[in-house]
Amino acid sequence: GEVMKHFEIGITTGGTREFTFRCDGIHNAYDAINDAVNYFGLGEDMDEIMRILVKMDENKLVTHRHAGLNVYVRDGER
């Protein structure tokens, strides 16, 4: 099978708990981050998030960390 890149999104809510989402593709990752940002009240600029995801998709960036949001791009299957 083809090796697919995916995004892992971690949300830390100020305590010790972290929620992790695995998303295939930019649109899914964007939607998941948008939902989490709204739900947890994180101060993220979604235009900036889109630019970051595009850079990740183009292999120009591997990790984004800001406030309670951590985004990683991973190759292949876990």
Protein backbone atom coordinates (compact mmCIF):
# COMPACT_ATOMS: atom_id res chain seq x y z
CA GLY A 1 0.00 0.00 0.00
CA GLU A 2 0.98 3.61 -0.41
CA VAL A 3 2.63 5.34 2.54
CA MET A 4 0.41 8.20 3.58
CA LYS A 5 1.29 11.25 5.59
CA HIS A 6 -1.02 12.19 8.41
CA PHE A 7 -1.38 14.88 11.01
CA GLU A 8 -1.46 14.35 14.75
CA ILE A 9 -3.11 17.09 16.75
CA GLY A 10 -2.70 17.33 20.50
CA ILE A 11 -4.76 19.63 22.69
CA THR A 12 -3.66 20.35 26.25
CA THR A 13 -6.41 21.96 28.27
CA GLY A 14 -4.35 23.57 31.00
CA GLY A 15 -4.32 20.48 33.19
CA THR A 16 -2.42 17.27 32.65
CA ARG A 17 -4.89 15.84 30.18
CA GLU A 18 -4.08 15.81 26.50
CA PHE A 19 -6.47 14.91 23.73
CA THR A 20 -4.92 13.55 20.54
CA PHE A 21 -6.55 13.39 17.14
CA ARG A 22 -5.19 11.70 14.04
CA CYS A 23 -6.25 13.27 10.77
CA ASP A 24 -5.58 12.40 7.15
CA GLY A 25 -5.22 15.45 4.93
CA ILE A 26 -5.21 19.18 5.45
CA HIS A 27 -8.98 19.69 5.44
CA ASN A 28 -9.62 17.10 8.13
CA ALA A 29 -6.78 18.49 10.25
CA TYR A 30 -8.05 22.05 9.80
CA ASP A 31 -11.60 21.08 10.79
CA ALA A 32 -10.37 19.18 13.85
CA ILE A 33 -8.21 22.10 14.99
CA ASN A 34 -11.03 24.57 14.37
CA ASP A 35 -13.44 22.47 16.44
CA ALA A 36 -10.92 22.11 19.25
CA VAL A 37 -9.98 25.80 19.23
CA ASN A 38 -13.64 26.75 19.50
CA TYR A 39 -14.47 24.12 22.10
CA PHE A 40 -11.52 24.78 24.38
CA GLY A 41 -11.40 28.53 23.77
CA LEU A 42 -7.82 28.54 22.46
CA GLY A 43 -6.65 31.81 20.92
CA GLU A 44 -5.56 30.59 17.51
CA ASP A 45 -5.58 32.45 14.19
CA MET A 46 -7.16 29.94 11.82
CA ASP A 47 -5.63 31.63 8.76
CA GLU A 48 -2.23 31.05 10.33
CA ILE A 49 -3.21 27.45 11.10
CA MET A 50 -4.06 26.91 7.43
CA ARG A 51 -0.66 28.30 6.38
CA ILE A 52 1.06 26.04 8.91
CA LEU A 53 -0.81 22.95 7.67
CA VAL A 54 0.13 23.76 4.07
CA LYS A 55 3.81 24.07 5.08
CA MET A 56 3.56 20.74 6.87
CA ASP A 57 1.96 19.14 3.85
CA GLU A 58 4.84 20.43 1.70
CA ASN A 59 7.39 19.02 4.18
CA LYS A 60 8.62 22.51 5.09
CA LEU A 61 7.55 22.21 8.72
CA VAL A 62 7.24 19.24 11.07
CA THR A 63 5.88 20.61 14.34
CA HIS A 64 3.75 23.54 15.45
CA ARG A 65 3.31 24.31 19.14
CA HIS A 66 1.37 27.25 20.50
CA ALA A 67 -0.43 27.59 23.81
CA GLY A 68 -2.41 24.37 24.27
CA LEU A 69 -2.13 23.25 20.66
CA ASN A 70 0.48 20.85 19.30
CA VAL A 71 0.42 19.74 15.67
CA TYR A 72 2.78 17.16 14.18
CA VAL A 73 3.02 15.69 10.72
CA ARG A 74 3.90 12.01 10.52
CA ASP A 75 4.79 9.75 7.62
CA GLY A 76 3.21 6.37 7.19
CA GLU A 77 1.36 4.27 9.70
CA ARG A 78 1.84 4.49 13.46
